[in-house]
Amino acid sequence: MRGIVNVMSGICGMITEIRATSEDQSGRVNLDINTRCESIQKLAGELRVVNPEEEISYKGNGPKTLRIASKHCKHTACPVPSGIIKAIEVAAGLAQPEDARITVTQEKDR
């Protein structure tokens, strides 16, 4: 099974394509992450295979994705790590493929 997630990160203008694939009996998920963002490229270099059961909980050491993101992502609000976890969930059959949205606006004080 494969989960594919495309993340448009916002003001930085970076686009990331995440392909998560679960093909064998081990239950592990393989990741292929493509982006022009140097920070996410570094994350992708370290995050190639994950255990999906460990990615969906903060128990223990928490998700490997978030631990590695904390080393490489310069912006804590970057939506790419969440997108990676969503792709893992779908590939592992732990979630249905459904879009998530964050809508950001600004209002001036009167």
PDB file of N, CA and C in Angstrom:
ATOM      1  N   MET A   1       0.852  -1.168   0.000  1.00  0.00           N
ATOM      2  CA  MET A   1       0.000   0.000   0.000  1.00  0.00           C
ATOM      3  C   MET A   1       0.901   1.237   0.000  1.00  0.00           C
ATOM      4  N   ARG A   2       0.404   2.310  -0.574  1.00  0.00           N
ATOM      5  CA  ARG A   2       1.181   3.544  -0.670  1.00  0.00           C
ATOM      6  C   ARG A   2       0.339   4.734  -0.219  1.00  0.00           C
ATOM      7  N   GLY A   3       0.975   5.619   0.534  1.00  0.00           N
ATOM      8  CA  GLY A   3       0.371   6.898   0.906  1.00  0.00           C
ATOM      9  C   GLY A   3       1.173   8.002   0.259  1.00  0.00           C
ATOM     10  N   ILE A   4       0.507   8.896  -0.435  1.00  0.00           N
ATOM     11  CA  ILE A   4       1.177  10.009  -1.108  1.00  0.00           C
ATOM     12  C   ILE A   4       0.600  11.307  -0.568  1.00  0.00           C
ATOM     13  N   VAL A   5       1.495  12.185  -0.104  1.00  0.00           N
ATOM     14  CA  VAL A   5       1.073  13.461   0.464  1.00  0.00           C
ATOM     15  C   VAL A   5       1.881  14.569  -0.197  1.00  0.00           C
ATOM     16  N   ASN A   6       1.193  15.618  -0.624  1.00  0.00           N
ATOM     17  CA  ASN A   6       1.851  16.809  -1.152  1.00  0.00           C
ATOM     18  C   ASN A   6       1.607  17.945  -0.179  1.00  0.00           C
ATOM     19  N   VAL A   7       2.707  18.580   0.253  1.00  0.00           N
ATOM     20  CA  VAL A   7       2.624  19.649   1.240  1.00  0.00           C
ATOM     21  C   VAL A   7       3.092  20.951   0.597  1.00  0.00           C
ATOM     22  N   MET A   8       2.221  21.947   0.606  1.00  0.00           N
ATOM     23  CA  MET A   8       2.573  23.301   0.203  1.00  0.00           C
ATOM     24  C   MET A   8       2.769  24.054   1.508  1.00  0.00           C
ATOM     25  N   SER A   9       4.013  24.354   1.826  1.00  0.00           N
ATOM     26  CA  SER A   9       4.356  24.797   3.176  1.00  0.00           C
ATOM     27  C   SER A   9       3.947  26.214   3.539  1.00  0.00           C
ATOM     28  N   GLY A  10       3.551  27.013   2.597  1.00  0.00           N
ATOM     29  CA  GLY A  10       3.085  28.356   2.946  1.00  0.00           C
ATOM     30  C   GLY A  10       4.015  29.438   2.457  1.00  0.00           C
ATOM     31  N   ILE A  11       4.338  30.365   3.323  1.00  0.00           N
ATOM     32  CA  ILE A  11       5.058  31.571   2.949  1.00  0.00           C
ATOM     33  C   ILE A  11       6.440  31.274   2.353  1.00  0.00           C
ATOM     34  N   CYS A  12       7.080  30.175   2.734  1.00  0.00           N
ATOM     35  CA  CYS A  12       8.399  29.834   2.170  1.00  0.00           C
ATOM     36  C   CYS A  12       8.285  29.404   0.717  1.00  0.00           C
ATOM     37  N   GLY A  13       7.090  28.987   0.298  1.00  0.00           N
ATOM     38  CA  GLY A  13       6.871  28.594  -1.086  1.00  0.00           C
ATOM     39  C   GLY A  13       7.366  27.200  -1.439  1.00  0.00           C
ATOM     40  N   MET A  14       7.842  26.456  -0.468  1.00  0.00           N
ATOM     41  CA  MET A  14       8.375  25.120  -0.740  1.00  0.00           C
ATOM     42  C   MET A  14       7.249  24.095  -0.858  1.00  0.00           C
ATOM     43  N   ILE A  15       7.433  23.189  -1.789  1.00  0.00           N
ATOM     44  CA  ILE A  15       6.501  22.088  -2.005  1.00  0.00           C
ATOM     45  C   ILE A  15       7.257  20.793  -1.741  1.00  0.00           C
ATOM     46  N   THR A  16       6.632  19.899  -1.010  1.00  0.00           N
ATOM     47  CA  THR A  16       7.251  18.615  -0.696  1.00  0.00           C
ATOM     48  C   THR A  16       6.303  17.503  -1.082  1.00  0.00           C
ATOM     49  N   GLU A  17       6.836  16.504  -1.790  1.00  0.00           N
ATOM     50  CA  GLU A  17       6.063  15.298  -2.096  1.00  0.00           C
ATOM     51  C   GLU A  17       6.605  14.164  -1.242  1.00  0.00           C
ATOM     52  N   ILE A  18       5.700  13.502  -0.539  1.00  0.00           N
ATOM     53  CA  ILE A  18       6.051  12.405   0.350  1.00  0.00           C
ATOM     54  C   ILE A  18       5.373  11.147  -0.172  1.00  0.00           C
ATOM     55  N   ARG A  19       6.174  10.112  -0.409  1.00  0.00           N
ATOM     56  CA  ARG A  19       5.641   8.811  -0.816  1.00  0.00           C
ATOM     57  C   ARG A  19       6.038   7.795   0.239  1.00  0.00           C
ATOM     58  N   ALA A  20       5.063   7.245   0.905  1.00  0.00           N
ATOM     59  CA  ALA A  20       5.284   6.229   1.933  1.00  0.00           C
ATOM     60  C   ALA A  20       4.755   4.904   1.402  1.00  0.00           C
ATOM     61  N   THR A  21       5.572   3.867   1.484  1.00  0.00           N
ATOM     62  CA  THR A  21       5.202   2.580   0.918  1.00  0.00           C
ATOM     63  C   THR A  21       5.414   1.462   1.928  1.00  0.00           C
ATOM     64  N   SER A  22       4.414   0.629   2.092  1.00  0.00           N
ATOM     65  CA  SER A  22       4.501  -0.563   2.932  1.00  0.00           C
ATOM     66  C   SER A  22       4.262  -1.761   2.032  1.00  0.00           C
ATOM     67  N   GLU A  23       5.323  -2.529   1.784  1.00  0.00           N
ATOM     68  CA  GLU A  23       5.217  -3.632   0.817  1.00  0.00           C
ATOM     69  C   GLU A  23       5.465  -5.010   1.395  1.00  0.00           C
ATOM     70  N   ASP A  24       6.103  -5.095   2.556  1.00  0.00           N
ATOM     71  CA  ASP A  24       6.478  -6.411   3.057  1.00  0.00           C
ATOM     72  C   ASP A  24       5.788  -6.743   4.367  1.00  0.00           C
ATOM     73  N   GLN A  25       6.042  -7.945   4.856  1.00  0.00           N
ATOM     74  CA  GLN A  25       5.398  -8.432   6.071  1.00  0.00           C
ATOM     75  C   GLN A  25       5.952  -7.801   7.346  1.00  0.00           C
ATOM     76  N   SER A  26       7.092  -7.113   7.255  1.00  0.00           N
ATOM     77  CA  SER A  26       7.713  -6.532   8.448  1.00  0.00           C
ATOM     78  C   SER A  26       6.862  -5.417   9.046  1.00  0.00           C
ATOM     79  N   GLY A  27       5.987  -4.828   8.238  1.00  0.00           N
ATOM     80  CA  GLY A  27       5.171  -3.716   8.696  1.00  0.00           C
ATOM     81  C   GLY A  27       5.887  -2.384   8.598  1.00  0.00           C
ATOM     82  N   ARG A  28       7.145  -2.395   8.263  1.00  0.00           N
ATOM     83  CA  ARG A  28       7.910  -1.158   8.117  1.00  0.00           C
ATOM     84  C   ARG A  28       7.406  -0.367   6.917  1.00  0.00           C
ATOM     85  N   VAL A  29       7.597   0.958   6.973  1.00  0.00           N
ATOM     86  CA  VAL A  29       7.196   1.836   5.879  1.00  0.00           C
ATOM     87  C   VAL A  29       8.447   2.519   5.330  1.00  0.00           C
ATOM     88  N   ASN A  30       8.620   2.453   4.025  1.00  0.00           N
ATOM     89  CA  ASN A  30       9.731   3.117   3.334  1.00  0.00           C
ATOM     90  C   ASN A  30       9.261   4.490   2.882  1.00  0.00           C
ATOM     91  N   LEU A  31      10.158   5.474   3.014  1.00  0.00           N
ATOM     92  CA  LEU A  31       9.815   6.849   2.660  1.00  0.00           C
ATOM     93  C   LEU A  31      10.671   7.367   1.525  1.00  0.00           C
ATOM     94  N   ASP A  32      10.029   8.066   0.615  1.00  0.00           N
ATOM     95  CA  ASP A  32      10.705   8.792  -0.467  1.00  0.00           C
ATOM     96  C   ASP A  32      10.167  10.218  -0.393  1.00  0.00           C
ATOM     97  N   ILE A  33      11.035  11.154  -0.029  1.00  0.00           N
ATOM     98  CA  ILE A  33      10.627  12.544   0.203  1.00  0.00           C
ATOM     99  C   ILE A  33      11.371  13.433  -0.776  1.00  0.00           C
ATOM    100  N   ASN A  34      10.622  14.166  -1.599  1.00  0.00           N
ATOM    101  CA  ASN A  34      11.217  15.035  -2.608  1.00  0.00           C
ATOM    102  C   ASN A  34      10.831  16.487  -2.354  1.00  0.00           C
ATOM    103  N   THR A  35      11.850  17.359  -2.306  1.00  0.00           N
ATOM    104  CA  THR A  35      11.636  18.777  -2.049  1.00  0.00           C
ATOM    105  C   THR A  35      12.877  19.575  -2.431  1.00  0.00           C
ATOM    106  N   ARG A  36      12.710  20.872  -2.611  1.00  0.00           N
ATOM    107  CA  ARG A  36      13.864  21.760  -2.808  1.00  0.00           C
ATOM    108  C   ARG A  36      14.368  22.317  -1.486  1.00  0.00           C
ATOM    109  N   CYS A  37      13.625  22.142  -0.414  1.00  0.00           N
ATOM    110  CA  CYS A  37      13.997  22.670   0.896  1.00  0.00           C
ATOM    111  C   CYS A  37      15.192  21.892   1.453  1.00  0.00           C
ATOM    112  N   GLU A  38      16.280  22.600   1.721  1.00  0.00           N
ATOM    113  CA  GLU A  38      17.489  21.946   2.217  1.00  0.00           C
ATOM    114  C   GLU A  38      17.274  21.294   3.589  1.00  0.00           C
ATOM    115  N   SER A  39      16.499  21.934   4.440  1.00  0.00           N
ATOM    116  CA  SER A  39      16.235  21.371   5.772  1.00  0.00           C
ATOM    117  C   SER A  39      15.477  20.052   5.665  1.00  0.00           C
ATOM    118  N   ILE A  40      14.460  20.021   4.821  1.00  0.00           N
ATOM    119  CA  ILE A  40      13.680  18.792   4.657  1.00  0.00           C
ATOM    120  C   ILE A  40      14.494  17.733   3.916  1.00  0.00           C
ATOM    121  N   GLN A  41      15.374  18.131   3.017  1.00  0.00           N
ATOM    122  CA  GLN A  41      16.262  17.166   2.366  1.00  0.00           C
ATOM    123  C   GLN A  41      17.135  16.459   3.405  1.00  0.00           C
ATOM    124  N   LYS A  42      17.627  17.205   4.388  1.00  0.00           N
ATOM    125  CA  LYS A  42      18.433  16.605   5.456  1.00  0.00           C
ATOM    126  C   LYS A  42      17.589  15.643   6.283  1.00  0.00           C
ATOM    127  N   LEU A  43      16.373  16.052   6.609  1.00  0.00           N
ATOM    128  CA  LEU A  43      15.461  15.175   7.334  1.00  0.00           C
ATOM    129  C   LEU A  43      15.242  13.894   6.537  1.00  0.00           C
ATOM    130  N   ALA A  44      14.968  14.039   5.247  1.00  0.00           N
ATOM    131  CA  ALA A  44      14.702  12.886   4.383  1.00  0.00           C
ATOM    132  C   ALA A  44      15.899  11.942   4.308  1.00  0.00           C
ATOM    133  N   GLY A  45      17.096  12.509   4.360  1.00  0.00           N
ATOM    134  CA  GLY A  45      18.294  11.680   4.315  1.00  0.00           C
ATOM    135  C   GLY A  45      18.418  10.750   5.504  1.00  0.00           C
ATOM    136  N   GLU A  46      17.879  11.149   6.640  1.00  0.00           N
ATOM    137  CA  GLU A  46      17.923  10.328   7.853  1.00  0.00           C
ATOM    138  C   GLU A  46      16.671   9.486   8.050  1.00  0.00           C
ATOM    139  N   LEU A  47      15.594   9.840   7.374  1.00  0.00           N
ATOM    140  CA  LEU A  47      14.303   9.187   7.618  1.00  0.00           C
ATOM    141  C   LEU A  47      13.910   8.381   6.381  1.00  0.00           C
ATOM    142  N   ARG A  48      14.391   7.185   6.287  1.00  0.00           N
ATOM    143  CA  ARG A  48      14.130   6.347   5.104  1.00  0.00           C
ATOM    144  C   ARG A  48      13.142   5.217   5.383  1.00  0.00           C
ATOM    145  N   VAL A  49      13.221   4.645   6.596  1.00  0.00           N
ATOM    146  CA  VAL A  49      12.355   3.524   6.973  1.00  0.00           C
ATOM    147  C   VAL A  49      11.888   3.760   8.404  1.00  0.00           C
ATOM    148  N   VAL A  50      10.589   3.556   8.637  1.00  0.00           N
ATOM    149  CA  VAL A  50      10.033   3.755   9.972  1.00  0.00           C
ATOM    150  C   VAL A  50       9.095   2.623  10.353  1.00  0.00           C
ATOM    151  N   ASN A  51       8.876   2.496  11.652  1.00  0.00           N
ATOM    152  CA  ASN A  51       7.866   1.596  12.188  1.00  0.00           C
ATOM    153  C   ASN A  51       6.605   2.436  12.394  1.00  0.00           C
ATOM    154  N   PRO A  52       5.544   2.192  11.645  1.00  0.00           N
ATOM    155  CA  PRO A  52       4.357   3.062  11.742  1.00  0.00           C
ATOM    156  C   PRO A  52       3.716   3.081  13.128  1.00  0.00           C
ATOM    157  N   GLU A  53       3.805   1.993  13.866  1.00  0.00           N
ATOM    158  CA  GLU A  53       3.226   1.966  15.210  1.00  0.00           C
ATOM    159  C   GLU A  53       3.914   2.981  16.123  1.00  0.00           C
ATOM    160  N   GLU A  54       5.203   3.219  15.904  1.00  0.00           N
ATOM    161  CA  GLU A  54       5.931   4.194  16.712  1.00  0.00           C
ATOM    162  C   GLU A  54       5.666   5.632  16.251  1.00  0.00           C
ATOM    163  N   GLU A  55       5.251   5.801  15.017  1.00  0.00           N
ATOM    164  CA  GLU A  55       5.039   7.139  14.468  1.00  0.00           C
ATOM    165  C   GLU A  55       3.718   7.768  14.875  1.00  0.00           C
ATOM    166  N   ILE A  56       2.758   6.952  15.289  1.00  0.00           N
ATOM    167  CA  ILE A  56       1.418   7.487  15.551  1.00  0.00           C
ATOM    168  C   ILE A  56       1.167   7.806  17.019  1.00  0.00           C
ATOM    169  N   SER A  57       2.229   7.787  17.844  1.00  0.00           N
ATOM    170  CA  SER A  57       2.043   8.033  19.271  1.00  0.00           C
ATOM    171  C   SER A  57       3.210   8.840  19.829  1.00  0.00           C
ATOM    172  N   TYR A  58       2.924   9.606  20.869  1.00  0.00           N
ATOM    173  CA  TYR A  58       3.965  10.325  21.597  1.00  0.00           C
ATOM    174  C   TYR A  58       4.552   9.463  22.715  1.00  0.00           C
ATOM    175  N   LYS A  59       4.084   8.234  22.876  1.00  0.00           N
ATOM    176  CA  LYS A  59       4.586   7.346  23.924  1.00  0.00           C
ATOM    177  C   LYS A  59       6.057   7.044  23.695  1.00  0.00           C
ATOM    178  N   GLY A  60       6.749   6.726  24.757  1.00  0.00           N
ATOM    179  CA  GLY A  60       8.174   6.403  24.659  1.00  0.00           C
ATOM    180  C   GLY A  60       8.959   7.625  24.208  1.00  0.00           C
ATOM    181  N   ASN A  61       9.748   7.450  23.167  1.00  0.00           N
ATOM    182  CA  ASN A  61      10.551   8.550  22.627  1.00  0.00           C
ATOM    183  C   ASN A  61       9.778   9.414  21.639  1.00  0.00           C
ATOM    184  N   GLY A  62       8.525   9.062  21.367  1.00  0.00           N
ATOM    185  CA  GLY A  62       7.739   9.812  20.393  1.00  0.00           C
ATOM    186  C   GLY A  62       8.111   9.421  18.978  1.00  0.00           C
ATOM    187  N   PRO A  63       7.462  10.025  18.008  1.00  0.00           N
ATOM    188  CA  PRO A  63       7.702   9.677  16.605  1.00  0.00           C
ATOM    189  C   PRO A  63       9.135   9.999  16.156  1.00  0.00           C
ATOM    190  N   LYS A  64       9.738   9.056  15.477  1.00  0.00           N
ATOM    191  CA  LYS A  64      11.074   9.255  14.896  1.00  0.00           C
ATOM    192  C   LYS A  64      11.061  10.463  13.964  1.00  0.00           C
ATOM    193  N   THR A  65       9.971  10.631  13.226  1.00  0.00           N
ATOM    194  CA  THR A  65       9.841  11.762  12.301  1.00  0.00           C
ATOM    195  C   THR A  65      10.037  13.088  13.037  1.00  0.00           C
ATOM    196  N   LEU A  66       9.389  13.248  14.175  1.00  0.00           N
ATOM    197  CA  LEU A  66       9.482  14.507  14.918  1.00  0.00           C
ATOM    198  C   LEU A  66      10.840  14.671  15.589  1.00  0.00           C
ATOM    199  N   ARG A  67      11.432  13.573  16.036  1.00  0.00           N
ATOM    200  CA  ARG A  67      12.776  13.674  16.633  1.00  0.00           C
ATOM    201  C   ARG A  67      13.796  14.151  15.600  1.00  0.00           C
ATOM    202  N   ILE A  68      13.732  13.589  14.407  1.00  0.00           N
ATOM    203  CA  ILE A  68      14.678  13.995  13.359  1.00  0.00           C
ATOM    204  C   ILE A  68      14.339  15.396  12.850  1.00  0.00           C
ATOM    205  N   ALA A  69      13.059  15.717  12.750  1.00  0.00           N
ATOM    206  CA  ALA A  69      12.656  17.068  12.326  1.00  0.00           C
ATOM    207  C   ALA A  69      13.201  18.114  13.283  1.00  0.00           C
ATOM    208  N   SER A  70      13.251  17.806  14.570  1.00  0.00           N
ATOM    209  CA  SER A  70      13.747  18.782  15.539  1.00  0.00           C
ATOM    210  C   SER A  70      15.224  19.106  15.312  1.00  0.00           C
ATOM    211  N   LYS A  71      15.946  18.211  14.656  1.00  0.00           N
ATOM    212  CA  LYS A  71      17.355  18.458  14.333  1.00  0.00           C
ATOM    213  C   LYS A  71      17.518  19.316  13.091  1.00  0.00           C
ATOM    214  N   HIS A  72      16.589  19.195  12.143  1.00  0.00           N
ATOM    215  CA  HIS A  72      16.805  19.784  10.824  1.00  0.00           C
ATOM    216  C   HIS A  72      15.853  20.912  10.437  1.00  0.00           C
ATOM    217  N   CYS A  73      14.610  20.867  10.896  1.00  0.00           N
ATOM    218  CA  CYS A  73      13.640  21.904  10.521  1.00  0.00           C
ATOM    219  C   CYS A  73      13.953  23.182  11.280  1.00  0.00           C
ATOM    220  N   LYS A  74      14.053  24.270  10.547  1.00  0.00           N
ATOM    221  CA  LYS A  74      14.362  25.550  11.172  1.00  0.00           C
ATOM    222  C   LYS A  74      13.119  26.244  11.717  1.00  0.00           C
ATOM    223  N   HIS A  75      11.962  25.838  11.244  1.00  0.00           N
ATOM    224  CA  HIS A  75      10.718  26.500  11.602  1.00  0.00           C
ATOM    225  C   HIS A  75       9.785  25.486  12.259  1.00  0.00           C
ATOM    226  N   THR A  76       9.453  25.700  13.510  1.00  0.00           N
ATOM    227  CA  THR A  76       8.644  24.721  14.233  1.00  0.00           C
ATOM    228  C   THR A  76       7.234  24.546  13.665  1.00  0.00           C
ATOM    229  N   ALA A  77       6.750  25.534  12.940  1.00  0.00           N
ATOM    230  CA  ALA A  77       5.404  25.436  12.365  1.00  0.00           C
ATOM    231  C   ALA A  77       5.402  24.767  10.990  1.00  0.00           C
ATOM    232  N   CYS A  78       6.544  24.292  10.531  1.00  0.00           N
ATOM    233  CA  CYS A  78       6.604  23.617   9.227  1.00  0.00           C
ATOM    234  C   CYS A  78       5.627  22.437   9.215  1.00  0.00           C
ATOM    235  N   PRO A  79       4.735  22.372   8.227  1.00  0.00           N
ATOM    236  CA  PRO A  79       3.755  21.298   8.188  1.00  0.00           C
ATOM    237  C   PRO A  79       4.276  19.981   7.603  1.00  0.00           C
ATOM    238  N   VAL A  80       5.496  19.967   7.094  1.00  0.00           N
ATOM    239  CA  VAL A  80       6.007  18.766   6.436  1.00  0.00           C
ATOM    240  C   VAL A  80       6.101  17.568   7.383  1.00  0.00           C
ATOM    241  N   PRO A  81       6.636  17.696   8.605  1.00  0.00           N
ATOM    242  CA  PRO A  81       6.669  16.512   9.471  1.00  0.00           C
ATOM    243  C   PRO A  81       5.291  15.889   9.706  1.00  0.00           C
ATOM    244  N   SER A  82       4.275  16.707   9.872  1.00  0.00           N
ATOM    245  CA  SER A  82       2.919  16.158  10.022  1.00  0.00           C
ATOM    246  C   SER A  82       2.479  15.457   8.748  1.00  0.00           C
ATOM    247  N   GLY A  83       2.836  16.026   7.593  1.00  0.00           N
ATOM    248  CA  GLY A  83       2.513  15.389   6.320  1.00  0.00           C
ATOM    249  C   GLY A  83       3.189  14.040   6.173  1.00  0.00           C
ATOM    250  N   ILE A  84       4.421  13.938   6.659  1.00  0.00           N
ATOM    251  CA  ILE A  84       5.140  12.657   6.613  1.00  0.00           C
ATOM    252  C   ILE A  84       4.395  11.620   7.439  1.00  0.00           C
ATOM    253  N   ILE A  85       3.984  12.009   8.636  1.00  0.00           N
ATOM    254  CA  ILE A  85       3.265  11.067   9.496  1.00  0.00           C
ATOM    255  C   ILE A  85       1.932  10.669   8.882  1.00  0.00           C
ATOM    256  N   LYS A  86       1.235  11.602   8.246  1.00  0.00           N
ATOM    257  CA  LYS A  86      -0.027  11.256   7.568  1.00  0.00           C
ATOM    258  C   LYS A  86       0.211  10.230   6.459  1.00  0.00           C
ATOM    259  N   ALA A  87       1.279  10.406   5.677  1.00  0.00           N
ATOM    260  CA  ALA A  87       1.602   9.461   4.603  1.00  0.00           C
ATOM    261  C   ALA A  87       1.908   8.077   5.175  1.00  0.00           C
ATOM    262  N   ILE A  88       2.632   8.042   6.294  1.00  0.00           N
ATOM    263  CA  ILE A  88       2.954   6.771   6.955  1.00  0.00           C
ATOM    264  C   ILE A  88       1.675   6.070   7.405  1.00  0.00           C
ATOM    265  N   GLU A  89       0.772   6.810   8.022  1.00  0.00           N
ATOM    266  CA  GLU A  89      -0.497   6.234   8.488  1.00  0.00           C
ATOM    267  C   GLU A  89      -1.270   5.589   7.337  1.00  0.00           C
ATOM    268  N   VAL A  90      -1.345   6.295   6.222  1.00  0.00           N
ATOM    269  CA  VAL A  90      -2.100   5.773   5.073  1.00  0.00           C
ATOM    270  C   VAL A  90      -1.416   4.531   4.501  1.00  0.00           C
ATOM    271  N   ALA A  91      -0.098   4.578   4.343  1.00  0.00           N
ATOM    272  CA  ALA A  91       0.629   3.438   3.780  1.00  0.00           C
ATOM    273  C   ALA A  91       0.481   2.197   4.652  1.00  0.00           C
ATOM    274  N   ALA A  92       0.427   2.395   5.968  1.00  0.00           N
ATOM    275  CA  ALA A  92       0.328   1.273   6.903  1.00  0.00           C
ATOM    276  C   ALA A  92      -1.109   0.815   7.129  1.00  0.00           C
ATOM    277  N   GLY A  93      -2.079   1.507   6.518  1.00  0.00           N
ATOM    278  CA  GLY A  93      -3.478   1.147   6.705  1.00  0.00           C
ATOM    279  C   GLY A  93      -4.033   1.586   8.049  1.00  0.00           C
ATOM    280  N   LEU A  94      -3.389   2.568   8.688  1.00  0.00           N
ATOM    281  CA  LEU A  94      -3.828   3.048   9.990  1.00  0.00           C
ATOM    282  C   LEU A  94      -4.747   4.256   9.894  1.00  0.00           C
ATOM    283  N   ALA A  95      -4.883   4.814   8.696  1.00  0.00           N
ATOM    284  CA  ALA A  95      -5.767   5.962   8.483  1.00  0.00           C
ATOM    285  C   ALA A  95      -6.206   5.978   7.024  1.00  0.00           C
ATOM    286  N   GLN A  96      -7.359   6.564   6.801  1.00  0.00           N
ATOM    287  CA  GLN A  96      -7.858   6.749   5.440  1.00  0.00           C
ATOM    288  C   GLN A  96      -7.197   7.986   4.830  1.00  0.00           C
ATOM    289  N   PRO A  97      -7.033   8.003   3.513  1.00  0.00           N
ATOM    290  CA  PRO A  97      -6.466   9.196   2.873  1.00  0.00           C
ATOM    291  C   PRO A  97      -7.482  10.336   2.854  1.00  0.00           C
ATOM    292  N   GLU A  98      -7.283  11.290   3.713  1.00  0.00           N
ATOM    293  CA  GLU A  98      -8.174  12.442   3.808  1.00  0.00           C
ATOM    294  C   GLU A  98      -7.324  13.691   3.978  1.00  0.00           C
ATOM    295  N   ASP A  99      -7.655  14.753   3.266  1.00  0.00           N
ATOM    296  CA  ASP A  99      -6.912  16.001   3.363  1.00  0.00           C
ATOM    297  C   ASP A  99      -7.065  16.621   4.746  1.00  0.00           C
ATOM    298  N   ALA A 100      -5.981  17.242   5.184  1.00  0.00           N
ATOM    299  CA  ALA A 100      -6.002  18.068   6.390  1.00  0.00           C
ATOM    300  C   ALA A 100      -5.729  19.498   5.944  1.00  0.00           C
ATOM    301  N   ARG A 101      -6.257  20.468   6.666  1.00  0.00           N
ATOM    302  CA  ARG A 101      -6.064  21.863   6.259  1.00  0.00           C
ATOM    303  C   ARG A 101      -5.727  22.734   7.458  1.00  0.00           C
ATOM    304  N   ILE A 102      -4.867  23.688   7.215  1.00  0.00           N
ATOM    305  CA  ILE A 102      -4.602  24.759   8.174  1.00  0.00           C
ATOM    306  C   ILE A 102      -4.861  26.050   7.421  1.00  0.00           C
ATOM    307  N   THR A 103      -5.780  26.843   7.904  1.00  0.00           N
ATOM    308  CA  THR A 103      -6.089  28.112   7.254  1.00  0.00           C
ATOM    309  C   THR A 103      -5.595  29.233   8.155  1.00  0.00           C
ATOM    310  N   VAL A 104      -4.785  30.120   7.601  1.00  0.00           N
ATOM    311  CA  VAL A 104      -4.182  31.186   8.386  1.00  0.00           C
ATOM    312  C   VAL A 104      -4.635  32.543   7.847  1.00  0.00           C
ATOM    313  N   THR A 105      -5.132  33.378   8.734  1.00  0.00           N
ATOM    314  CA  THR A 105      -5.523  34.744   8.368  1.00  0.00           C
ATOM    315  C   THR A 105      -4.968  35.683   9.431  1.00  0.00           C
ATOM    316  N   GLN A 106      -5.057  36.957   9.142  1.00  0.00           N
ATOM    317  CA  GLN A 106      -4.626  37.966  10.103  1.00  0.00           C
ATOM    318  C   GLN A 106      -5.678  39.057  10.136  1.00  0.00           C
ATOM    319  N   GLU A 107      -6.003  39.514  11.329  1.00  0.00           N
ATOM    320  CA  GLU A 107      -6.909  40.638  11.506  1.00  0.00           C
ATOM    321  C   GLU A 107      -6.153  41.752  12.202  1.00  0.00           C
ATOM    322  N   LYS A 108      -6.368  42.947  11.763  1.00  0.00           N
ATOM    323  CA  LYS A 108      -5.755  44.109  12.419  1.00  0.00           C
ATOM    324  C   LYS A 108      -6.652  44.559  13.558  1.00  0.00           C
ATOM    325  N   ASP A 109      -6.021  44.979  14.644  1.00  0.00           N
ATOM    326  CA  ASP A 109      -6.784  45.534  15.764  1.00  0.00           C
ATOM    327  C   ASP A 109      -7.413  46.839  15.337  1.00  0.00           C
ATOM    328  N   ARG A 110      -8.581  47.120  15.857  1.00  0.00           N
ATOM    329  CA  ARG A 110      -9.278  48.363  15.516  1.00  0.00           C
ATOM    330  C   ARG A 110      -9.075  49.404  16.536  1.00  0.00           C
TER     331      ARG A 110
END
